PDB file of N, CA and C in Angstrom:
ATOM      1  N   MET A   1       0.792  -1.074   0.162  1.00  0.00           N
ATOM      2  CA  MET A   1      -0.089   0.057   0.289  1.00  0.00           C
ATOM      3  C   MET A   1       1.200   1.194   0.256  1.00  0.00           C
ATOM      4  N   THR A   2       0.495   2.199  -0.832  1.00  0.00           N
ATOM      5  CA  THR A   2       1.040   3.567  -0.543  1.00  0.00           C
ATOM      6  C   THR A   2       0.349   4.002   0.073  1.00  0.00           C
ATOM      7  N   LYS A   3       1.514   5.369   1.382  1.00  0.00           N
ATOM      8  CA  LYS A   3       0.891   6.396   1.498  1.00  0.00           C
ATOM      9  C   LYS A   3      -0.676   7.291   0.890  1.00  0.00           C
ATOM     10  N   LEU A   4      -1.531   7.613   1.811  1.00  0.00           N
ATOM     11  CA  LEU A   4      -2.624   8.392   1.666  1.00  0.00           C
ATOM     12  C   LEU A   4      -2.350   9.921   1.108  1.00  0.00           C
ATOM     13  N   THR A   5      -2.593  10.749   0.344  1.00  0.00           N
ATOM     14  CA  THR A   5      -2.095  12.152   0.314  1.00  0.00           C
ATOM     15  C   THR A   5      -2.562  12.910   1.159  1.00  0.00           C
ATOM     16  N   LYS A   6      -1.739  14.127   0.987  1.00  0.00           N
ATOM     17  CA  LYS A   6      -2.010  14.803   2.732  1.00  0.00           C
ATOM     18  C   LYS A   6      -3.146  15.241   2.291  1.00  0.00           C
ATOM     19  N   SER A   7      -4.001  15.829   1.531  1.00  0.00           N
ATOM     20  CA  SER A   7      -5.126  16.314   1.188  1.00  0.00           C
ATOM     21  C   SER A   7      -6.269  14.917   2.001  1.00  0.00           C
ATOM     22  N   MET A   8      -6.515  13.686   1.403  1.00  0.00           N
ATOM     23  CA  MET A   8      -6.967  12.943   1.706  1.00  0.00           C
ATOM     24  C   MET A   8      -6.615  12.253   3.160  1.00  0.00           C
ATOM     25  N   ARG A   9      -5.565  12.088   3.368  1.00  0.00           N
ATOM     26  CA  ARG A   9      -5.245  12.251   4.902  1.00  0.00           C
ATOM     27  C   ARG A   9      -5.857  13.393   6.116  1.00  0.00           C
ATOM     28  N   ALA A  10      -5.531  14.392   5.574  1.00  0.00           N
ATOM     29  CA  ALA A  10      -6.351  15.194   6.461  1.00  0.00           C
ATOM     30  C   ALA A  10      -8.186  15.224   6.321  1.00  0.00           C
ATOM     31  N   CYS A  11      -8.256  14.991   5.075  1.00  0.00           N
ATOM     32  CA  CYS A  11     -10.120  14.744   5.461  1.00  0.00           C
ATOM     33  C   CYS A  11     -10.526  14.259   6.436  1.00  0.00           C
ATOM     34  N   LEU A  12     -10.099  12.909   6.035  1.00  0.00           N
ATOM     35  CA  LEU A  12     -10.234  11.832   6.619  1.00  0.00           C
ATOM     36  C   LEU A  12     -10.071  11.788   8.321  1.00  0.00           C
ATOM     37  N   GLU A  13      -8.848  12.099   8.764  1.00  0.00           N
ATOM     38  CA  GLU A  13      -8.750  13.006  10.330  1.00  0.00           C
ATOM     39  C   GLU A  13      -9.869  13.683  10.689  1.00  0.00           C
ATOM     40  N   TYR A  14      -9.831  14.754   9.905  1.00  0.00           N
ATOM     41  CA  TYR A  14     -11.196  15.724   9.960  1.00  0.00           C
ATOM     42  C   TYR A  14     -12.373  14.985  10.567  1.00  0.00           C
ATOM     43  N   HIS A  15     -13.074  14.046   9.401  1.00  0.00           N
ATOM     44  CA  HIS A  15     -14.147  13.966   9.964  1.00  0.00           C
ATOM     45  C   HIS A  15     -14.040  12.107  10.877  1.00  0.00           C
ATOM     46  N   LYS A  16     -12.836  11.990  11.038  1.00  0.00           N
ATOM     47  CA  LYS A  16     -13.010  10.698  12.613  1.00  0.00           C
ATOM     48  C   LYS A  16     -13.367  11.863  13.982  1.00  0.00           C
ATOM     49  N   TYR A  17     -12.128  12.423  13.926  1.00  0.00           N
ATOM     50  CA  TYR A  17     -11.733  13.640  14.888  1.00  0.00           C
ATOM     51  C   TYR A  17     -12.829  14.730  15.138  1.00  0.00           C
ATOM     52  N   SER A  18     -13.237  15.705  14.155  1.00  0.00           N
ATOM     53  CA  SER A  18     -14.078  16.900  14.376  1.00  0.00           C
ATOM     54  C   SER A  18     -14.958  17.035  13.289  1.00  0.00           C
ATOM     55  N   GLU A  19     -15.892  15.833  12.990  1.00  0.00           N
ATOM     56  CA  GLU A  19     -17.014  15.564  11.965  1.00  0.00           C
ATOM     57  C   GLU A  19     -18.105  17.132  12.775  1.00  0.00           C
ATOM     58  N   HIS A  20     -18.797  17.107  11.203  1.00  0.00           N
ATOM     59  CA  HIS A  20     -20.331  17.821  11.566  1.00  0.00           C
ATOM     60  C   HIS A  20     -19.591  19.576  12.226  1.00  0.00           C
ATOM     61  N   GLN A  21     -18.169  19.615  12.554  1.00  0.00           N
ATOM     62  CA  GLN A  21     -17.900  21.412  12.574  1.00  0.00           C
ATOM     63  C   GLN A  21     -17.906  22.350  11.342  1.00  0.00           C
ATOM     64  N   PRO A  22     -18.359  22.947  11.419  1.00  0.00           N
ATOM     65  CA  PRO A  22     -18.694  23.675  10.601  1.00  0.00           C
ATOM     66  C   PRO A  22     -17.486  24.721  10.093  1.00  0.00           C
ATOM     67  N   GLY A  23     -17.307  25.425   9.153  1.00  0.00           N
ATOM     68  CA  GLY A  23     -16.093  26.169   8.827  1.00  0.00           C
ATOM     69  C   GLY A  23     -14.659  25.405   8.414  1.00  0.00           C
ATOM     70  N   TYR A  24     -14.685  24.330   8.186  1.00  0.00           N
ATOM     71  CA  TYR A  24     -13.646  23.898   7.739  1.00  0.00           C
ATOM     72  C   TYR A  24     -14.404  23.295   6.330  1.00  0.00           C
ATOM     73  N   ARG A  25     -13.554  23.654   5.051  1.00  0.00           N
ATOM     74  CA  ARG A  25     -14.260  22.761   3.749  1.00  0.00           C
ATOM     75  C   ARG A  25     -12.527  21.771   3.090  1.00  0.00           C
ATOM     76  N   PHE A  26     -12.812  20.931   2.413  1.00  0.00           N
ATOM     77  CA  PHE A  26     -12.140  19.962   1.621  1.00  0.00           C
ATOM     78  C   PHE A  26     -12.386  20.203   0.376  1.00  0.00           C
ATOM     79  N   SER A  27     -11.652  20.411  -0.690  1.00  0.00           N
ATOM     80  CA  SER A  27     -11.984  20.231  -2.345  1.00  0.00           C
ATOM     81  C   SER A  27     -12.719  19.213  -2.388  1.00  0.00           C
ATOM     82  N   ARG A  28     -13.482  19.651  -3.276  1.00  0.00           N
ATOM     83  CA  ARG A  28     -15.027  19.091  -3.626  1.00  0.00           C
ATOM     84  C   ARG A  28     -14.769  17.481  -3.866  1.00  0.00           C
ATOM     85  N   LYS A  29     -13.302  17.423  -5.069  1.00  0.00           N
ATOM     86  CA  LYS A  29     -12.431  16.543  -5.977  1.00  0.00           C
ATOM     87  C   LYS A  29     -12.058  15.834  -4.509  1.00  0.00           C
ATOM     88  N   THR A  30     -11.796  15.665  -3.393  1.00  0.00           N
ATOM     89  CA  THR A  30     -11.343  14.805  -2.228  1.00  0.00           C
ATOM     90  C   THR A  30     -11.988  14.320  -1.738  1.00  0.00           C
ATOM     91  N   ILE A  31     -13.541  15.096  -1.222  1.00  0.00           N
ATOM     92  CA  ILE A  31     -14.750  14.876  -0.785  1.00  0.00           C
ATOM     93  C   ILE A  31     -15.356  13.482  -1.665  1.00  0.00           C
ATOM     94  N   GLU A  32     -14.665  13.607  -3.259  1.00  0.00           N
ATOM     95  CA  GLU A  32     -15.688  12.917  -4.138  1.00  0.00           C
ATOM     96  C   GLU A  32     -15.039  11.511  -4.330  1.00  0.00           C
ATOM     97  N   ARG A  33     -13.992  11.512  -4.029  1.00  0.00           N
ATOM     98  CA  ARG A  33     -12.896  10.553  -4.131  1.00  0.00           C
ATOM     99  C   ARG A  33     -13.023   9.496  -2.942  1.00  0.00           C
ATOM    100  N   ALA A  34     -12.996  10.170  -1.667  1.00  0.00           N
ATOM    101  CA  ALA A  34     -13.156   9.734  -0.318  1.00  0.00           C
ATOM    102  C   ALA A  34     -14.534   8.888  -0.337  1.00  0.00           C
ATOM    103  N   THR A  35     -15.075   9.855  -1.087  1.00  0.00           N
ATOM    104  CA  THR A  35     -17.128   8.547  -1.035  1.00  0.00           C
ATOM    105  C   THR A  35     -16.801   7.739  -2.001  1.00  0.00           C
ATOM    106  N   GLU A  36     -16.003   7.985  -3.314  1.00  0.00           N
ATOM    107  CA  GLU A  36     -15.950   6.493  -3.988  1.00  0.00           C
ATOM    108  C   GLU A  36     -15.182   5.786  -3.632  1.00  0.00           C
ATOM    109  N   LEU A  37     -14.221   5.889  -3.123  1.00  0.00           N
ATOM    110  CA  LEU A  37     -13.186   4.846  -2.666  1.00  0.00           C
ATOM    111  C   LEU A  37     -13.927   4.398  -0.794  1.00  0.00           C
ATOM    112  N   GLY A  38     -15.284   4.586  -0.319  1.00  0.00           N
ATOM    113  CA  GLY A  38     -15.752   4.084   0.540  1.00  0.00           C
ATOM    114  C   GLY A  38     -15.546   4.399   2.018  1.00  0.00           C
ATOM    115  N   TYR A  39     -14.223   5.182   1.524  1.00  0.00           N
ATOM    116  CA  TYR A  39     -13.621   5.775   3.036  1.00  0.00           C
ATOM    117  C   TYR A  39     -14.882   6.457   3.830  1.00  0.00           C
ATOM    118  N   LEU A  40     -15.964   7.437   3.141  1.00  0.00           N
ATOM    119  CA  LEU A  40     -16.598   8.591   3.724  1.00  0.00           C
ATOM    120  C   LEU A  40     -17.649   7.697   3.340  1.00  0.00           C
ATOM    121  N   THR A  41     -18.691   7.888   4.694  1.00  0.00           N
ATOM    122  CA  THR A  41     -20.102   7.800   4.320  1.00  0.00           C
ATOM    123  C   THR A  41     -20.926   9.314   4.633  1.00  0.00           C
ATOM    124  N   SER A  42     -21.864   9.449   3.712  1.00  0.00           N
ATOM    125  CA  SER A  42     -22.760  10.430   3.595  1.00  0.00           C
ATOM    126  C   SER A  42     -23.721  10.101   4.869  1.00  0.00           C
ATOM    127  N   ASP A  43     -24.666  11.067   5.490  1.00  0.00           N
ATOM    128  CA  ASP A  43     -25.597  11.014   6.101  1.00  0.00           C
ATOM    129  C   ASP A  43     -26.327  12.560   6.313  1.00  0.00           C
ATOM    130  N   PRO A  44     -27.467  12.743   6.835  1.00  0.00           N
ATOM    131  CA  PRO A  44     -28.335  14.361   6.878  1.00  0.00           C
ATOM    132  C   PRO A  44     -27.152  15.654   7.263  1.00  0.00           C
ATOM    133  N   GLY A  45     -26.689  14.615   8.396  1.00  0.00           N
ATOM    134  CA  GLY A  45     -25.454  15.729   9.004  1.00  0.00           C
ATOM    135  C   GLY A  45     -24.118  16.339   8.271  1.00  0.00           C
ATOM    136  N   GLY A  46     -24.212  15.843   7.240  1.00  0.00           N
ATOM    137  CA  GLY A  46     -22.404  15.358   6.562  1.00  0.00           C
ATOM    138  C   GLY A  46     -22.328  14.494   6.519  1.00  0.00           C
ATOM    139  N   PHE A  47     -20.706  14.299   6.111  1.00  0.00           N
ATOM    140  CA  PHE A  47     -20.148  13.007   5.983  1.00  0.00           C
ATOM    141  C   PHE A  47     -19.097  12.338   7.238  1.00  0.00           C
ATOM    142  N   ASP A  48     -19.525  11.323   6.984  1.00  0.00           N
ATOM    143  CA  ASP A  48     -18.672  10.290   7.981  1.00  0.00           C
ATOM    144  C   ASP A  48     -17.802   9.329   8.249  1.00  0.00           C
ATOM    145  N   ILE A  49     -16.951   8.935   8.762  1.00  0.00           N
ATOM    146  CA  ILE A  49     -15.618   8.352   8.729  1.00  0.00           C
ATOM    147  C   ILE A  49     -16.110   6.574   9.457  1.00  0.00           C
ATOM    148  N   THR A  50     -17.158   6.701   9.267  1.00  0.00           N
ATOM    149  CA  THR A  50     -17.115   5.151   9.982  1.00  0.00           C
ATOM    150  C   THR A  50     -17.164   3.419   9.004  1.00  0.00           C
ATOM    151  N   SER A  51     -16.854   4.138   7.658  1.00  0.00           N
ATOM    152  CA  SER A  51     -16.838   2.790   7.389  1.00  0.00           C
ATOM    153  C   SER A  51     -15.379   1.762   7.909  1.00  0.00           C
ATOM    154  N   ASP A  52     -15.287   0.646   7.323  1.00  0.00           N
ATOM    155  CA  ASP A  52     -14.222   0.116   8.247  1.00  0.00           C
ATOM    156  C   ASP A  52     -12.852   0.221   6.860  1.00  0.00           C
ATOM    157  N   ALA A  53     -13.315   0.860   5.381  1.00  0.00           N
ATOM    158  CA  ALA A  53     -11.833   1.224   4.470  1.00  0.00           C
ATOM    159  C   ALA A  53     -11.423   2.487   5.035  1.00  0.00           C
ATOM    160  N   GLY A  54     -12.653   3.182   5.417  1.00  0.00           N
ATOM    161  CA  GLY A  54     -12.120   4.776   5.550  1.00  0.00           C
ATOM    162  C   GLY A  54     -10.944   4.470   6.751  1.00  0.00           C
ATOM    163  N   LEU A  55     -11.423   3.709   7.744  1.00  0.00           N
ATOM    164  CA  LEU A  55     -10.650   3.694   8.993  1.00  0.00           C
ATOM    165  C   LEU A  55      -9.493   2.966   9.077  1.00  0.00           C
ATOM    166  N   ALA A  56      -9.810   2.063   8.133  1.00  0.00           N
ATOM    167  CA  ALA A  56      -8.601   0.968   7.819  1.00  0.00           C
ATOM    168  C   ALA A  56      -7.168   1.796   7.024  1.00  0.00           C
ATOM    169  N   ALA A  57      -7.971   2.385   6.321  1.00  0.00           N
ATOM    170  CA  ALA A  57      -7.001   3.398   5.057  1.00  0.00           C
ATOM    171  C   ALA A  57      -6.205   4.387   5.979  1.00  0.00           C
ATOM    172  N   LEU A  58      -7.181   5.046   6.890  1.00  0.00           N
ATOM    173  CA  LEU A  58      -5.878   6.033   7.869  1.00  0.00           C
ATOM    174  C   LEU A  58      -5.448   5.338   8.939  1.00  0.00           C
ATOM    175  N   ALA A  59      -5.108   4.206   9.365  1.00  0.00           N
ATOM    176  CA  ALA A  59      -4.800   3.657  10.322  1.00  0.00           C
ATOM    177  C   ALA A  59      -3.437   2.947   9.678  1.00  0.00           C
ATOM    178  N   GLU A  60      -3.745   2.513   8.666  1.00  0.00           N
ATOM    179  CA  GLU A  60      -2.251   1.728   7.836  1.00  0.00           C
ATOM    180  C   GLU A  60      -1.722   2.658   6.434  1.00  0.00           C
ATOM    181  N   GLY A  61      -2.510   3.799   6.431  1.00  0.00           N
ATOM    182  CA  GLY A  61      -1.662   4.848   4.866  1.00  0.00           C
ATOM    183  C   GLY A  61      -2.487   4.710   3.954  1.00  0.00           C
ATOM    184  N   GLY A  62      -3.249   3.271   3.965  1.00  0.00           N
ATOM    185  CA  GLY A  62      -4.458   3.278   2.243  1.00  0.00           C
ATOM    186  C   GLY A  62      -3.558   3.698   1.005  1.00  0.00           C
ATOM    187  N   THR A  63      -4.423   4.065  -0.151  1.00  0.00           N
ATOM    188  CA  THR A  63      -3.519   4.039  -1.257  1.00  0.00           C
ATOM    189  C   THR A  63      -3.942   5.480  -1.580  1.00  0.00           C
ATOM    190  N   ASN A  64      -2.929   5.990  -2.768  1.00  0.00           N
ATOM    191  CA  ASN A  64      -2.620   7.153  -2.863  1.00  0.00           C
ATOM    192  C   ASN A  64      -4.450   7.446  -3.563  1.00  0.00           C
ATOM    193  N   ALA A  65      -4.883   7.827  -3.048  1.00  0.00           N
ATOM    194  CA  ALA A  65      -6.355   7.925  -2.902  1.00  0.00           C
ATOM    195  C   ALA A  65      -6.764   9.059  -3.792  1.00  0.00           C
ATOM    196  N   ASP A  66      -6.156  10.430  -4.405  1.00  0.00           N
ATOM    197  CA  ASP A  66      -6.164  11.243  -5.393  1.00  0.00           C
ATOM    198  C   ASP A  66      -5.788  11.242  -6.911  1.00  0.00           C
ATOM    199  N   ALA A  67      -4.933   9.596  -6.997  1.00  0.00           N
ATOM    200  CA  ALA A  67      -4.148   9.310  -8.186  1.00  0.00           C
ATOM    201  C   ALA A  67      -5.702   8.963  -9.026  1.00  0.00           C
TER     202      ALA A  67
END
């Protein structure tokens, strides 16, 4: 496995530790890619990193998600 990009790691860490806090936004491309890979799930309040894939990618470095 290769490491997550800086933007993807920041996005996943934000949604793991600070979910639903206003004022911080990630690029649409990063959010779409994280959702496409199954790292983030969408709910009425925003996005959550509750999927096993997202937590595993964050813990192990995951793949080059922006590639």
